[in-house]
């Protein structure tokens, strides 16, 4: 159980680092995360460290775009086999 608590704390620290936009905390976080249950996640962060650094320092976010795409995909999955493009367009435009 202590390993799960530590993993939760590591993930919470990552989330706070992103929210506070604190790039200086990235290296210490990586060192801490590599030794626990979150090692796989930390290795993924290391592989794409440039993108993570940009996400921390950049004022821009694509969250709104991703949300709209997710919503569109959900509607498409719900309609699978039931209609054509005109019905999809009516549902998406009608949902807005």
Protein backbone atom coordinates (compact mmCIF):
# COMPACT_ATOMS: atom_id res chain seq x y z
CA UNK A 1 0.00 0.00 0.00
CA UNK A 2 2.81 2.54 0.67
CA UNK A 3 3.91 2.14 -2.96
CA UNK A 4 0.46 3.19 -4.16
CA UNK A 5 0.48 6.22 -1.87
CA UNK A 6 3.90 7.22 -3.19
CA UNK A 7 2.75 6.75 -6.80
CA UNK A 8 -0.27 8.92 -6.14
CA UNK A 9 1.93 11.63 -4.63
CA UNK A 10 4.28 11.50 -7.63
CA UNK A 11 1.41 11.89 -10.08
CA UNK A 12 -0.09 14.71 -7.99
CA UNK A 13 3.31 16.45 -8.00
CA UNK A 14 3.41 16.18 -11.80
CA UNK A 15 -0.06 17.68 -12.04
CA UNK A 16 0.92 20.58 -9.76
CA UNK A 17 4.10 21.15 -11.78
CA UNK A 18 1.99 21.49 -14.95
CA UNK A 19 -0.54 23.78 -13.27
CA UNK A 20 2.12 26.03 -11.69
CA UNK A 21 4.17 25.98 -14.91
CA UNK A 22 7.31 25.18 -12.94
CA UNK A 23 9.91 23.83 -15.37
CA UNK A 24 12.59 23.80 -12.66
CA UNK A 25 10.71 21.00 -10.88
CA UNK A 26 10.83 18.65 -13.89
CA UNK A 27 14.30 17.14 -13.34
CA UNK A 28 13.81 16.48 -9.59
CA UNK A 29 10.40 15.00 -10.36
CA UNK A 30 11.89 12.68 -12.98
CA UNK A 31 14.51 11.43 -10.53
CA UNK A 32 11.84 10.71 -7.93
CA UNK A 33 9.40 9.13 -10.39
CA UNK A 34 11.92 6.78 -12.00
CA UNK A 35 12.29 4.78 -8.78
CA UNK A 36 8.63 4.00 -8.10
CA UNK A 37 5.49 2.61 -9.67
CA UNK A 38 5.30 5.63 -11.96
CA UNK A 39 8.60 4.68 -13.67
CA UNK A 40 6.87 3.79 -16.93
CA UNK A 41 5.12 7.17 -17.00
CA UNK A 42 8.40 8.91 -16.17
CA UNK A 43 10.16 7.08 -19.01
CA UNK A 44 7.45 8.29 -21.37
CA UNK A 45 8.00 11.84 -20.14
CA UNK A 46 11.75 11.48 -20.73
CA UNK A 47 11.18 10.19 -24.28
CA UNK A 48 9.13 13.29 -25.09
CA UNK A 49 10.77 15.73 -22.70
CA UNK A 50 10.82 18.54 -25.26
CA UNK A 51 7.03 18.38 -25.61
CA UNK A 52 6.53 18.23 -21.83
CA UNK A 53 8.83 21.22 -21.36
CA UNK A 54 6.89 23.12 -24.02
CA UNK A 55 3.60 22.22 -22.33
CA UNK A 56 4.89 23.58 -19.03
CA UNK A 57 6.28 26.83 -20.41
CA UNK A 58 3.83 27.61 -23.20
CA UNK A 59 0.75 29.72 -22.49
CA UNK A 60 -1.12 27.88 -25.27
CA UNK A 61 -3.27 24.79 -24.91
CA UNK A 62 -5.12 22.58 -27.36
CA UNK A 63 -7.58 21.37 -24.71
CA UNK A 64 -10.60 23.05 -26.31
CA UNK A 65 -9.81 21.49 -29.68
CA UNK A 66 -9.29 18.04 -28.16
CA UNK A 67 -12.61 18.35 -26.33
CA UNK A 68 -14.48 19.15 -29.53
CA UNK A 69 -12.85 16.22 -31.35
CA UNK A 70 -13.71 13.85 -28.50
CA UNK A 71 -17.32 15.03 -28.58
CA UNK A 72 -17.53 14.52 -32.35
CA UNK A 73 -16.06 11.02 -32.09
CA UNK A 74 -18.55 10.13 -29.36
CA UNK A 75 -21.47 11.18 -31.55
CA UNK A 76 -20.05 9.24 -34.49
CA UNK A 77 -19.68 6.09 -32.39
CA UNK A 78 -23.22 6.40 -31.07
CA UNK A 79 -24.54 6.68 -34.62
CA UNK A 80 -22.46 3.86 -36.13
CA UNK A 81 -24.51 2.15 -38.83
CA UNK A 82 -27.56 4.36 -38.27
CA UNK A 83 -27.16 7.29 -40.58
CA UNK A 84 -25.20 9.19 -43.14
CA UNK A 85 -23.34 12.48 -43.08
CA UNK A 86 -26.53 14.59 -43.07
CA UNK A 87 -27.73 13.03 -39.79
CA UNK A 88 -24.28 13.39 -38.23
CA UNK A 89 -24.19 17.05 -39.26
CA UNK A 90 -27.65 17.62 -37.78
CA UNK A 91 -26.65 16.01 -34.49
CA UNK A 92 -23.36 17.90 -34.18
CA UNK A 93 -24.77 21.28 -35.17
CA UNK A 94 -27.90 20.65 -33.11
CA UNK A 95 -25.73 19.74 -30.11
CA UNK A 96 -24.00 23.13 -30.19
